[in-house]
Amino acid sequence: MQKLKETRATVSAISGMLQRHQAATARNEFSRHRKELENYLPADEFVLIQGKVEQSFRSGSKEKARNGK
């Protein structure tokens, strides 16, 4: 039960990072906690979060390339 609460807190933190357009930070956090998320979240929720993180990261990388950063 405690581990599930910690996992939910991690998901919440990653979601907050994505909302603040911190895609690289969210991707790093997701990578660090990947096994934990995979083990404690339902598969469909894990895939959804993974997709959001990767899509946000790719969008942010394209934006930086267009702006010359």
Foldseek 3Di string as FASTA:
>chain_A
DVLLVVLVVLLVVLVVCVVVLVLVVSVVSCVVCVVSNCVRPDPVVSVVSVVSSVVSVVVVVVVCVVVVD
